Amino acid sequence: MTTSKLGKYLSGLGLLGLVIFLCVIPFYSTDYIVSVLLDILTWIGLTQSWIILSGFTGYISLGHSAFFGIGAYVMAILWLKLPYPLIILISAMSSMTLAFAIGFPVLRVRGPYFVILTLGLSEFAKYIFINYEVNVKGTVGRILLGVPNIRTLYFSLLIIAIVTILCAYLIKRSRFGYGLFSIKEDEDAAESLGIDTSIYKWLALGISAFFPGAIGATMALRRTYIDPYSVFDPIVSFQIIVMAFFGGIGKLHGPVLGACILTLISEFFWARYPHYYLIILGVILVFIVKIMPSGILGIFDLFGKAGKVVKFVRRK
């Protein structure tokens, strides 16, 4: 067995062991531990879905909060009317449908204009729901009763996170994924080579929006009360980007690492410094971005290259 095959084999065993561990640990942990793991899985799913569009094509989107909010509201509207798994699927499809509906006009712009436009769409969706709640329903938010226990929600998010990672992995290694990467490198050159960049970006946006809808639906049950201000919060989109870049968007496990570390850091400071943790976290992030522009994985790559250089010098 070659070294590369052995490495892949060991990596596969490690991933299988991790999945088994995540499936078993809720039965032997407190509700608090399960809650923290649930939050980690939430951010892993969101960052991985964001990578499908923004990481692969270079189109930095701030629209995930809109897809998250759509999923949450579909769950709130349909809860206790349909089976729980079916509502999650409908929520995900609703977010995907919205992405497909706005895809072609939105994806015509590039660079900072695309970033601003996606942020504006999230705010637009938020105020549409605010108007609907106040003028049609005569309320501000919704209370969800009879929600599943935290371990049921945990396993729901575990399945969603695993499927999101598998989807991103398969897309990255597919012809479709290579087309998305060519858009990131040079969109005009990719189009001149026969790649229909409009269709590729449109499909990536729709697939990327599917998973936040499912996650938003699940987290609506976790919160038990939702309103447009909380589920369409732009901080969700910003935090996804911070986590992805913190871990490193060059590889799929970079955003996973970023989501895990930043979620734990946030939990630590929130529990001990509830009035100052956002300020402390902001200072930490600015410092990290300043010294690690390529993310944590970029630092590891630099150490790896330095080690190879040292070995080469010693041989000489």
Foldseek 3Di string as FASTA:
>chain_A
DDPVVVVVVVVVVVVVVVLVCLVPVVVVDDPVVLVLLLQLLLLLLLLLLQCLQCVLQVAQALQLLQLLLQLQVLLLVCPPPDDPVVSLQVLLQVQLVVLLVCQLVLVVDGDVVSHVVSLVVLVVSLVVQQCCCCVPVVHFKGFAPPFDDSVVLSVLSSVLSVVSLVVSVVLCPDPLSVLSNVNNVPVVVSVVVPDPVSVSSSVSRSSSSSSSSSSSNSVSSVVRMDGSCPSSPSVSSVLSVLLQQQQASPDSCSSSVSSSVLSVLLVVCCVPPVPCSVVVSVVVSVVSCVVCVRHPVVVVVVVVVVVVVVVVVVVD
